[in-house]
Amino acid sequence: MQYFEGVACPADVFIPTEDSDAWIWNPRHRWVYDKLAVALSQGLDAGPHGVTPPSFPVFSKPIYNLKGMGIGSRVVKSAAAYKSHQKATCG
């Protein structure tokens, strides 16, 4: 919000400054936060944890993560590393 201090904005205009605000205010566009859907829409090979990639290295990141941005993202160089980095998530 510090970037917008002192900037006039009409009361009826909603400009999200947080991903969570955009999620709430724009339900038709929530798919853009689904990194798996975005990757597949671009013709990239992609899948969730639990589906072993056909080759390595791969880039692993949460499918959804509105608050933590890239937390947990990493390059995974081998099948053994892939297995050791998988973890269940809730929410």
PDB file of N, CA and C in Angstrom:
ATOM      1  N   MET A   1       0.808  -1.193   0.000  1.00  0.00           N
ATOM      2  CA  MET A   1       0.000   0.000   0.000  1.00  0.00           C
ATOM      3  C   MET A   1       0.858   1.268   0.000  1.00  0.00           C
ATOM      4  N   GLN A   2       2.102   1.153   0.448  1.00  0.00           N
ATOM      5  CA  GLN A   2       2.955   2.345   0.522  1.00  0.00           C
ATOM      6  C   GLN A   2       3.153   2.994  -0.835  1.00  0.00           C
ATOM      7  N   TYR A   3       3.008   2.238  -1.903  1.00  0.00           N
ATOM      8  CA  TYR A   3       3.183   2.792  -3.241  1.00  0.00           C
ATOM      9  C   TYR A   3       1.999   3.657  -3.668  1.00  0.00           C
ATOM     10  N   PHE A   4       0.885   3.510  -2.975  1.00  0.00           N
ATOM     11  CA  PHE A   4      -0.330   4.194  -3.384  1.00  0.00           C
ATOM     12  C   PHE A   4      -0.742   5.310  -2.423  1.00  0.00           C
ATOM     13  N   GLU A   5       0.063   5.566  -1.402  1.00  0.00           N
ATOM     14  CA  GLU A   5      -0.246   6.649  -0.479  1.00  0.00           C
ATOM     15  C   GLU A   5      -0.278   7.966  -1.241  1.00  0.00           C
ATOM     16  N   GLY A   6      -1.295   8.744  -0.990  1.00  0.00           N
ATOM     17  CA  GLY A   6      -1.407  10.038  -1.632  1.00  0.00           C
ATOM     18  C   GLY A   6      -1.904   9.995  -3.064  1.00  0.00           C
ATOM     19  N   VAL A   7      -2.304   8.828  -3.549  1.00  0.00           N
ATOM     20  CA  VAL A   7      -2.817   8.688  -4.910  1.00  0.00           C
ATOM     21  C   VAL A   7      -4.337   8.645  -4.832  1.00  0.00           C
ATOM     22  N   ALA A   8      -4.982   9.539  -5.544  1.00  0.00           N
ATOM     23  CA  ALA A   8      -6.443   9.585  -5.534  1.00  0.00           C
ATOM     24  C   ALA A   8      -7.018   8.404  -6.312  1.00  0.00           C
ATOM     25  N   CYS A   9      -8.051   7.809  -5.750  1.00  0.00           N
ATOM     26  CA  CYS A   9      -8.738   6.697  -6.404  1.00  0.00           C
ATOM     27  C   CYS A   9     -10.219   6.816  -6.060  1.00  0.00           C
ATOM     28  N   PRO A  10     -11.098   6.829  -7.060  1.00  0.00           N
ATOM     29  CA  PRO A  10     -12.531   6.916  -6.775  1.00  0.00           C
ATOM     30  C   PRO A  10     -12.985   5.760  -5.877  1.00  0.00           C
ATOM     31  N   ALA A  11     -13.947   6.031  -5.025  1.00  0.00           N
ATOM     32  CA  ALA A  11     -14.421   5.038  -4.054  1.00  0.00           C
ATOM     33  C   ALA A  11     -15.018   3.804  -4.723  1.00  0.00           C
ATOM     34  N   ASP A  12     -15.514   3.938  -5.953  1.00  0.00           N
ATOM     35  CA  ASP A  12     -16.144   2.802  -6.626  1.00  0.00           C
ATOM     36  C   ASP A  12     -15.170   2.013  -7.505  1.00  0.00           C
ATOM     37  N   VAL A  13     -13.891   2.333  -7.454  1.00  0.00           N
ATOM     38  CA  VAL A  13     -12.864   1.624  -8.223  1.00  0.00           C
ATOM     39  C   VAL A  13     -12.059   0.759  -7.258  1.00  0.00           C
ATOM     40  N   PHE A  14     -11.991  -0.525  -7.541  1.00  0.00           N
ATOM     41  CA  PHE A  14     -11.270  -1.465  -6.691  1.00  0.00           C
ATOM     42  C   PHE A  14     -10.042  -1.968  -7.434  1.00  0.00           C
ATOM     43  N   ILE A  15      -8.876  -1.624  -6.940  1.00  0.00           N
ATOM     44  CA  ILE A  15      -7.615  -2.064  -7.520  1.00  0.00           C
ATOM     45  C   ILE A  15      -6.946  -2.957  -6.490  1.00  0.00           C
ATOM     46  N   PRO A  16      -6.895  -4.254  -6.754  1.00  0.00           N
ATOM     47  CA  PRO A  16      -6.302  -5.144  -5.762  1.00  0.00           C
ATOM     48  C   PRO A  16      -4.797  -4.926  -5.639  1.00  0.00           C
ATOM     49  N   THR A  17      -4.349  -4.818  -4.422  1.00  0.00           N
ATOM     50  CA  THR A  17      -2.910  -4.720  -4.158  1.00  0.00           C
ATOM     51  C   THR A  17      -2.386  -6.008  -3.541  1.00  0.00           C
ATOM     52  N   GLU A  18      -3.269  -6.931  -3.273  1.00  0.00           N
ATOM     53  CA  GLU A  18      -2.928  -8.256  -2.740  1.00  0.00           C
ATOM     54  C   GLU A  18      -3.629  -9.301  -3.594  1.00  0.00           C
ATOM     55  N   ASP A  19      -2.980 -10.435  -3.813  1.00  0.00           N
ATOM     56  CA  ASP A  19      -3.607 -11.511  -4.577  1.00  0.00           C
ATOM     57  C   ASP A  19      -4.920 -11.952  -3.948  1.00  0.00           C
ATOM     58  N   SER A  20      -4.996 -11.952  -2.635  1.00  0.00           N
ATOM     59  CA  SER A  20      -6.227 -12.385  -1.974  1.00  0.00           C
ATOM     60  C   SER A  20      -7.390 -11.448  -2.306  1.00  0.00           C
ATOM     61  N   ASP A  21      -7.127 -10.146  -2.438  1.00  0.00           N
ATOM     62  CA  ASP A  21      -8.179  -9.211  -2.845  1.00  0.00           C
ATOM     63  C   ASP A  21      -8.638  -9.510  -4.267  1.00  0.00           C
ATOM     64  N   ALA A  22      -7.705  -9.730  -5.171  1.00  0.00           N
ATOM     65  CA  ALA A  22      -8.051 -10.046  -6.558  1.00  0.00           C
ATOM     66  C   ALA A  22      -8.873 -11.328  -6.635  1.00  0.00           C
ATOM     67  N   TRP A  23      -8.524 -12.316  -5.825  1.00  0.00           N
ATOM     68  CA  TRP A  23      -9.253 -13.589  -5.790  1.00  0.00           C
ATOM     69  C   TRP A  23     -10.708 -13.348  -5.390  1.00  0.00           C
ATOM     70  N   ILE A  24     -10.908 -12.552  -4.357  1.00  0.00           N
ATOM     71  CA  ILE A  24     -12.254 -12.287  -3.856  1.00  0.00           C
ATOM     72  C   ILE A  24     -13.060 -11.456  -4.851  1.00  0.00           C
ATOM     73  N   TRP A  25     -12.456 -10.419  -5.406  1.00  0.00           N
ATOM     74  CA  TRP A  25     -13.192  -9.472  -6.249  1.00  0.00           C
ATOM     75  C   TRP A  25     -13.397  -9.942  -7.685  1.00  0.00           C
ATOM     76  N   ASN A  26     -12.629 -10.913  -8.142  1.00  0.00           N
ATOM     77  CA  ASN A  26     -12.679 -11.331  -9.551  1.00  0.00           C
ATOM     78  C   ASN A  26     -12.800 -12.842  -9.694  1.00  0.00           C
ATOM     79  N   PRO A  27     -13.898 -13.421  -9.227  1.00  0.00           N
ATOM     80  CA  PRO A  27     -14.000 -14.886  -9.242  1.00  0.00           C
ATOM     81  C   PRO A  27     -13.874 -15.519 -10.625  1.00  0.00           C
ATOM     82  N   ARG A  28     -14.276 -14.822 -11.684  1.00  0.00           N
ATOM     83  CA  ARG A  28     -14.175 -15.396 -13.040  1.00  0.00           C
ATOM     84  C   ARG A  28     -12.732 -15.567 -13.495  1.00  0.00           C
ATOM     85  N   HIS A  29     -11.809 -14.876 -12.850  1.00  0.00           N
ATOM     86  CA  HIS A  29     -10.407 -14.910 -13.286  1.00  0.00           C
ATOM     87  C   HIS A  29      -9.497 -15.649 -12.300  1.00  0.00           C
ATOM     88  N   ARG A  30     -10.076 -16.396 -11.387  1.00  0.00           N
ATOM     89  CA  ARG A  30      -9.272 -17.101 -10.380  1.00  0.00           C
ATOM     90  C   ARG A  30      -8.324 -18.119 -11.002  1.00  0.00           C
ATOM     91  N   TRP A  31      -8.649 -18.602 -12.179  1.00  0.00           N
ATOM     92  CA  TRP A  31      -7.812 -19.628 -12.809  1.00  0.00           C
ATOM     93  C   TRP A  31      -6.377 -19.138 -13.011  1.00  0.00           C
ATOM     94  N   VAL A  32      -6.148 -17.827 -13.093  1.00  0.00           N
ATOM     95  CA  VAL A  32      -4.788 -17.344 -13.330  1.00  0.00           C
ATOM     96  C   VAL A  32      -3.865 -17.616 -12.148  1.00  0.00           C
ATOM     97  N   TYR A  33      -4.423 -17.939 -10.981  1.00  0.00           N
ATOM     98  CA  TYR A  33      -3.601 -18.285  -9.819  1.00  0.00           C
ATOM     99  C   TYR A  33      -3.267 -19.771  -9.782  1.00  0.00           C
ATOM    100  N   ASP A  34      -3.864 -20.547 -10.668  1.00  0.00           N
ATOM    101  CA  ASP A  34      -3.603 -21.984 -10.753  1.00  0.00           C
ATOM    102  C   ASP A  34      -2.416 -22.174 -11.692  1.00  0.00           C
ATOM    103  N   LYS A  35      -1.217 -22.303 -11.117  1.00  0.00           N
ATOM    104  CA  LYS A  35       0.002 -22.378 -11.931  1.00  0.00           C
ATOM    105  C   LYS A  35       0.001 -23.589 -12.856  1.00  0.00           C
ATOM    106  N   LEU A  36      -0.652 -24.659 -12.440  1.00  0.00           N
ATOM    107  CA  LEU A  36      -0.745 -25.848 -13.282  1.00  0.00           C
ATOM    108  C   LEU A  36      -1.610 -25.548 -14.513  1.00  0.00           C
ATOM    109  N   ALA A  37      -2.760 -24.910 -14.326  1.00  0.00           N
ATOM    110  CA  ALA A  37      -3.630 -24.564 -15.455  1.00  0.00           C
ATOM    111  C   ALA A  37      -2.934 -23.595 -16.403  1.00  0.00           C
ATOM    112  N   VAL A  38      -2.209 -22.630 -15.863  1.00  0.00           N
ATOM    113  CA  VAL A  38      -1.496 -21.669 -16.708  1.00  0.00           C
ATOM    114  C   VAL A  38      -0.424 -22.380 -17.534  1.00  0.00           C
ATOM    115  N   ALA A  39       0.351 -23.257 -16.896  1.00  0.00           N
ATOM    116  CA  ALA A  39       1.394 -23.987 -17.621  1.00  0.00           C
ATOM    117  C   ALA A  39       0.792 -24.849 -18.729  1.00  0.00           C
ATOM    118  N   LEU A  40      -0.277 -25.573 -18.426  1.00  0.00           N
ATOM    119  CA  LEU A  40      -0.909 -26.425 -19.431  1.00  0.00           C
ATOM    120  C   LEU A  40      -1.510 -25.595 -20.560  1.00  0.00           C
ATOM    121  N   SER A  41      -2.051 -24.405 -20.243  1.00  0.00           N
ATOM    122  CA  SER A  41      -2.634 -23.541 -21.287  1.00  0.00           C
ATOM    123  C   SER A  41      -1.570 -23.040 -22.260  1.00  0.00           C
ATOM    124  N   GLN A  42      -0.306 -23.081 -21.851  1.00  0.00           N
ATOM    125  CA  GLN A  42       0.798 -22.645 -22.698  1.00  0.00           C
ATOM    126  C   GLN A  42       1.491 -23.815 -23.392  1.00  0.00           C
ATOM    127  N   GLY A  43       0.922 -24.993 -23.250  1.00  0.00           N
ATOM    128  CA  GLY A  43       1.488 -26.161 -23.912  1.00  0.00           C
ATOM    129  C   GLY A  43       2.707 -26.747 -23.217  1.00  0.00           C
ATOM    130  N   LEU A  44       2.932 -26.362 -21.960  1.00  0.00           N
ATOM    131  CA  LEU A  44       4.073 -26.892 -21.210  1.00  0.00           C
ATOM    132  C   LEU A  44       3.719 -28.236 -20.596  1.00  0.00           C
ATOM    133  N   ASP A  45       4.700 -29.112 -20.464  1.00  0.00           N
ATOM    134  CA  ASP A  45       4.501 -30.349 -19.715  1.00  0.00           C
ATOM    135  C   ASP A  45       4.429 -29.975 -18.247  1.00  0.00           C
ATOM    136  N   ALA A  46       3.378 -30.374 -17.569  1.00  0.00           N
ATOM    137  CA  ALA A  46       3.208 -30.008 -16.167  1.00  0.00           C
ATOM    138  C   ALA A  46       2.310 -31.029 -15.491  1.00  0.00           C
ATOM    139  N   GLY A  47       2.458 -31.144 -14.187  1.00  0.00           N
ATOM    140  CA  GLY A  47       1.614 -32.035 -13.409  1.00  0.00           C
ATOM    141  C   GLY A  47       1.804 -31.776 -11.938  1.00  0.00           C
ATOM    142  N   PRO A  48       0.879 -32.260 -11.122  1.00  0.00           N
ATOM    143  CA  PRO A  48       0.988 -32.068  -9.675  1.00  0.00           C
ATOM    144  C   PRO A  48       1.968 -33.062  -9.055  1.00  0.00           C
ATOM    145  N   HIS A  49       2.404 -32.757  -7.845  1.00  0.00           N
ATOM    146  CA  HIS A  49       3.220 -33.740  -7.121  1.00  0.00           C
ATOM    147  C   HIS A  49       2.416 -35.025  -7.002  1.00  0.00           C
ATOM    148  N   GLY A  50       3.100 -36.120  -7.131  1.00  0.00           N
ATOM    149  CA  GLY A  50       2.456 -37.427  -7.134  1.00  0.00           C
ATOM    150  C   GLY A  50       2.433 -38.027  -8.533  1.00  0.00           C
ATOM    151  N   VAL A  51       2.639 -37.200  -9.548  1.00  0.00           N
ATOM    152  CA  VAL A  51       2.749 -37.653 -10.931  1.00  0.00           C
ATOM    153  C   VAL A  51       4.211 -37.459 -11.312  1.00  0.00           C
ATOM    154  N   THR A  52       4.949 -38.546 -11.360  1.00  0.00           N
ATOM    155  CA  THR A  52       6.384 -38.463 -11.603  1.00  0.00           C
ATOM    156  C   THR A  52       6.667 -37.921 -13.003  1.00  0.00           C
ATOM    157  N   PRO A  53       7.481 -36.882 -13.104  1.00  0.00           N
ATOM    158  CA  PRO A  53       7.837 -36.326 -14.411  1.00  0.00           C
ATOM    159  C   PRO A  53       8.598 -37.344 -15.261  1.00  0.00           C
ATOM    160  N   PRO A  54       8.458 -37.275 -16.574  1.00  0.00           N
ATOM    161  CA  PRO A  54       9.157 -38.218 -17.442  1.00  0.00           C
ATOM    162  C   PRO A  54      10.654 -37.973 -17.519  1.00  0.00           C
ATOM    163  N   SER A  55      11.108 -36.759 -17.149  1.00  0.00           N
ATOM    164  CA  SER A  55      12.537 -36.457 -17.186  1.00  0.00           C
ATOM    165  C   SER A  55      12.838 -35.343 -16.182  1.00  0.00           C
ATOM    166  N   PHE A  56      14.094 -35.185 -15.901  1.00  0.00           N
ATOM    167  CA  PHE A  56      14.564 -34.167 -14.964  1.00  0.00           C
ATOM    168  C   PHE A  56      15.692 -33.395 -15.629  1.00  0.00           C
ATOM    169  N   PRO A  57      15.947 -32.162 -15.201  1.00  0.00           N
ATOM    170  CA  PRO A  57      15.400 -31.444 -14.066  1.00  0.00           C
ATOM    171  C   PRO A  57      14.006 -30.882 -14.373  1.00  0.00           C
ATOM    172  N   VAL A  58      13.273 -30.588 -13.299  1.00  0.00           N
ATOM    173  CA  VAL A  58      11.976 -29.927 -13.388  1.00  0.00           C
ATOM    174  C   VAL A  58      11.954 -28.779 -12.378  1.00  0.00           C
ATOM    175  N   PHE A  59      11.014 -27.875 -12.566  1.00  0.00           N
ATOM    176  CA  PHE A  59      10.817 -26.795 -11.606  1.00  0.00           C
ATOM    177  C   PHE A  59       9.557 -27.114 -10.828  1.00  0.00           C
ATOM    178  N   SER A  60       9.656 -27.106  -9.514  1.00  0.00           N
ATOM    179  CA  SER A  60       8.533 -27.441  -8.648  1.00  0.00           C
ATOM    180  C   SER A  60       8.117 -26.210  -7.858  1.00  0.00           C
ATOM    181  N   LYS A  61       6.808 -25.953  -7.855  1.00  0.00           N
ATOM    182  CA  LYS A  61       6.281 -24.851  -7.048  1.00  0.00           C
ATOM    183  C   LYS A  61       4.832 -25.158  -6.707  1.00  0.00           C
ATOM    184  N   PRO A  62       4.312 -24.509  -5.663  1.00  0.00           N
ATOM    185  CA  PRO A  62       2.908 -24.762  -5.298  1.00  0.00           C
ATOM    186  C   PRO A  62       1.966 -24.399  -6.451  1.00  0.00           C
ATOM    187  N   ILE A  63       0.899 -25.168  -6.607  1.00  0.00           N
ATOM    188  CA  ILE A  63      -0.090 -24.854  -7.635  1.00  0.00           C
ATOM    189  C   ILE A  63      -0.794 -23.546  -7.288  1.00  0.00           C
ATOM    190  N   TYR A  64      -1.221 -23.426  -6.049  1.00  0.00           N
ATOM    191  CA  TYR A  64      -1.819 -22.186  -5.534  1.00  0.00           C
ATOM    192  C   TYR A  64      -0.991 -21.716  -4.355  1.00  0.00           C
ATOM    193  N   ASN A  65      -0.736 -20.448  -4.276  1.00  0.00           N
ATOM    194  CA  ASN A  65      -0.052 -19.871  -3.119  1.00  0.00           C
ATOM    195  C   ASN A  65      -0.232 -18.359  -3.190  1.00  0.00           C
ATOM    196  N   LEU A  66      -1.349 -17.872  -2.670  1.00  0.00           N
ATOM    197  CA  LEU A  66      -1.661 -16.453  -2.789  1.00  0.00           C
ATOM    198  C   LEU A  66      -0.850 -15.575  -1.852  1.00  0.00           C
ATOM    199  N   LYS A  67      -0.407 -16.102  -0.742  1.00  0.00           N
ATOM    200  CA  LYS A  67       0.283 -15.261   0.234  1.00  0.00           C
ATOM    201  C   LYS A  67       1.797 -15.430   0.194  1.00  0.00           C
ATOM    202  N   GLY A  68       2.267 -16.642  -0.010  1.00  0.00           N
ATOM    203  CA  GLY A  68       3.691 -16.899   0.111  1.00  0.00           C
ATOM    204  C   GLY A  68       4.491 -16.760  -1.161  1.00  0.00           C
ATOM    205  N   MET A  69       3.819 -16.389  -2.248  1.00  0.00           N
ATOM    206  CA  MET A  69       4.451 -16.232  -3.547  1.00  0.00           C
ATOM    207  C   MET A  69       5.184 -17.507  -3.948  1.00  0.00           C
ATOM    208  N   GLY A  70       6.483 -17.523  -4.005  1.00  0.00           N
ATOM    209  CA  GLY A  70       7.212 -18.689  -4.486  1.00  0.00           C
ATOM    210  C   GLY A  70       7.758 -19.585  -3.391  1.00  0.00           C
ATOM    211  N   ILE A  71       7.239 -19.470  -2.176  1.00  0.00           N
ATOM    212  CA  ILE A  71       7.761 -20.301  -1.077  1.00  0.00           C
ATOM    213  C   ILE A  71       7.648 -21.773  -1.449  1.00  0.00           C
ATOM    214  N   GLY A  72       8.723 -22.497  -1.270  1.00  0.00           N
ATOM    215  CA  GLY A  72       8.755 -23.926  -1.573  1.00  0.00           C
ATOM    216  C   GLY A  72       9.145 -24.239  -3.008  1.00  0.00           C
ATOM    217  N   SER A  73       9.339 -23.227  -3.829  1.00  0.00           N
ATOM    218  CA  SER A  73       9.738 -23.463  -5.220  1.00  0.00           C
ATOM    219  C   SER A  73      11.187 -23.909  -5.284  1.00  0.00           C
ATOM    220  N   ARG A  74      11.477 -24.781  -6.239  1.00  0.00           N
ATOM    221  CA  ARG A  74      12.860 -25.255  -6.374  1.00  0.00           C
ATOM    222  C   ARG A  74      13.038 -25.992  -7.694  1.00  0.00           C
ATOM    223  N   VAL A  75      14.272 -26.084  -8.116  1.00  0.00           N
ATOM    224  CA  VAL A  75      14.644 -26.950  -9.220  1.00  0.00           C
ATOM    225  C   VAL A  75      14.868 -28.330  -8.617  1.00  0.00           C
ATOM    226  N   VAL A  76      14.279 -29.329  -9.220  1.00  0.00           N
ATOM    227  CA  VAL A  76      14.440 -30.711  -8.768  1.00  0.00           C
ATOM    228  C   VAL A  76      15.219 -31.436  -9.856  1.00  0.00           C
ATOM    229  N   LYS A  77      16.388 -31.939  -9.481  1.00  0.00           N
ATOM    230  CA  LYS A  77      17.318 -32.463 -10.482  1.00  0.00           C
ATOM    231  C   LYS A  77      17.222 -33.954 -10.747  1.00  0.00           C
ATOM    232  N   SER A  78      16.519 -34.709  -9.869  1.00  0.00           N
ATOM    233  CA  SER A  78      16.482 -36.162 -10.052  1.00  0.00           C
ATOM    234  C   SER A  78      15.210 -36.747  -9.467  1.00  0.00           C
ATOM    235  N   ALA A  79      14.918 -37.996  -9.832  1.00  0.00           N
ATOM    236  CA  ALA A  79      13.748 -38.685  -9.286  1.00  0.00           C
ATOM    237  C   ALA A  79      13.866 -38.843  -7.773  1.00  0.00           C
ATOM    238  N   ALA A  80      15.068 -39.099  -7.270  1.00  0.00           N
ATOM    239  CA  ALA A  80      15.262 -39.237  -5.819  1.00  0.00           C
ATOM    240  C   ALA A  80      14.972 -37.918  -5.111  1.00  0.00           C
ATOM    241  N   ALA A  81      15.454 -36.823  -5.669  1.00  0.00           N
ATOM    242  CA  ALA A  81      15.178 -35.508  -5.076  1.00  0.00           C
ATOM    243  C   ALA A  81      13.690 -35.194  -5.162  1.00  0.00           C
ATOM    244  N   TYR A  82      13.054 -35.578  -6.247  1.00  0.00           N
ATOM    245  CA  TYR A  82      11.619 -35.364  -6.417  1.00  0.00           C
ATOM    246  C   TYR A  82      10.845 -36.052  -5.298  1.00  0.00           C
ATOM    247  N   LYS A  83      11.176 -37.303  -5.047  1.00  0.00           N
ATOM    248  CA  LYS A  83      10.484 -38.056  -3.986  1.00  0.00           C
ATOM    249  C   LYS A  83      10.719 -37.437  -2.619  1.00  0.00           C
ATOM    250  N   SER A  84      11.910 -36.948  -2.363  1.00  0.00           N
ATOM    251  CA  SER A  84      12.209 -36.406  -1.034  1.00  0.00           C
ATOM    252  C   SER A  84      11.589 -35.027  -0.797  1.00  0.00           C
ATOM    253  N   HIS A  85      11.269 -34.302  -1.872  1.00  0.00           N
ATOM    254  CA  HIS A  85      10.722 -32.960  -1.720  1.00  0.00           C
ATOM    255  C   HIS A  85       9.209 -32.910  -1.737  1.00  0.00           C
ATOM    256  N   GLN A  86       8.554 -34.007  -2.047  1.00  0.00           N
ATOM    257  CA  GLN A  86       7.091 -33.992  -2.059  1.00  0.00           C
ATOM    258  C   GLN A  86       6.565 -33.878  -0.648  1.00  0.00           C
ATOM    259  N   LYS A  87       5.518 -33.081  -0.491  1.00  0.00           N
ATOM    260  CA  LYS A  87       4.861 -33.005   0.807  1.00  0.00           C
ATOM    261  C   LYS A  87       3.398 -32.694   0.605  1.00  0.00           C
ATOM    262  N   ALA A  88       2.599 -33.198   1.490  1.00  0.00           N
ATOM    263  CA  ALA A  88       1.159 -32.938   1.440  1.00  0.00           C
ATOM    264  C   ALA A  88       0.891 -31.514   1.915  1.00  0.00           C
ATOM    265  N   THR A  89      -0.133 -30.895   1.331  1.00  0.00           N
ATOM    266  CA  THR A  89      -0.531 -29.563   1.779  1.00  0.00           C
ATOM    267  C   THR A  89      -2.023 -29.578   2.066  1.00  0.00           C
ATOM    268  N   CYS A  90      -2.425 -28.706   2.924  1.00  0.00           N
ATOM    269  CA  CYS A  90      -3.827 -28.578   3.285  1.00  0.00           C
ATOM    270  C   CYS A  90      -4.307 -27.184   2.939  1.00  0.00           C
ATOM    271  N   GLY A  91      -5.585 -27.050   2.772  1.00  0.00           N
ATOM    272  CA  GLY A  91      -6.126 -25.704   2.614  1.00  0.00           C
ATOM    273  C   GLY A  91      -6.831 -25.470   1.392  1.00  0.00           C
TER     274      GLY A  91
END
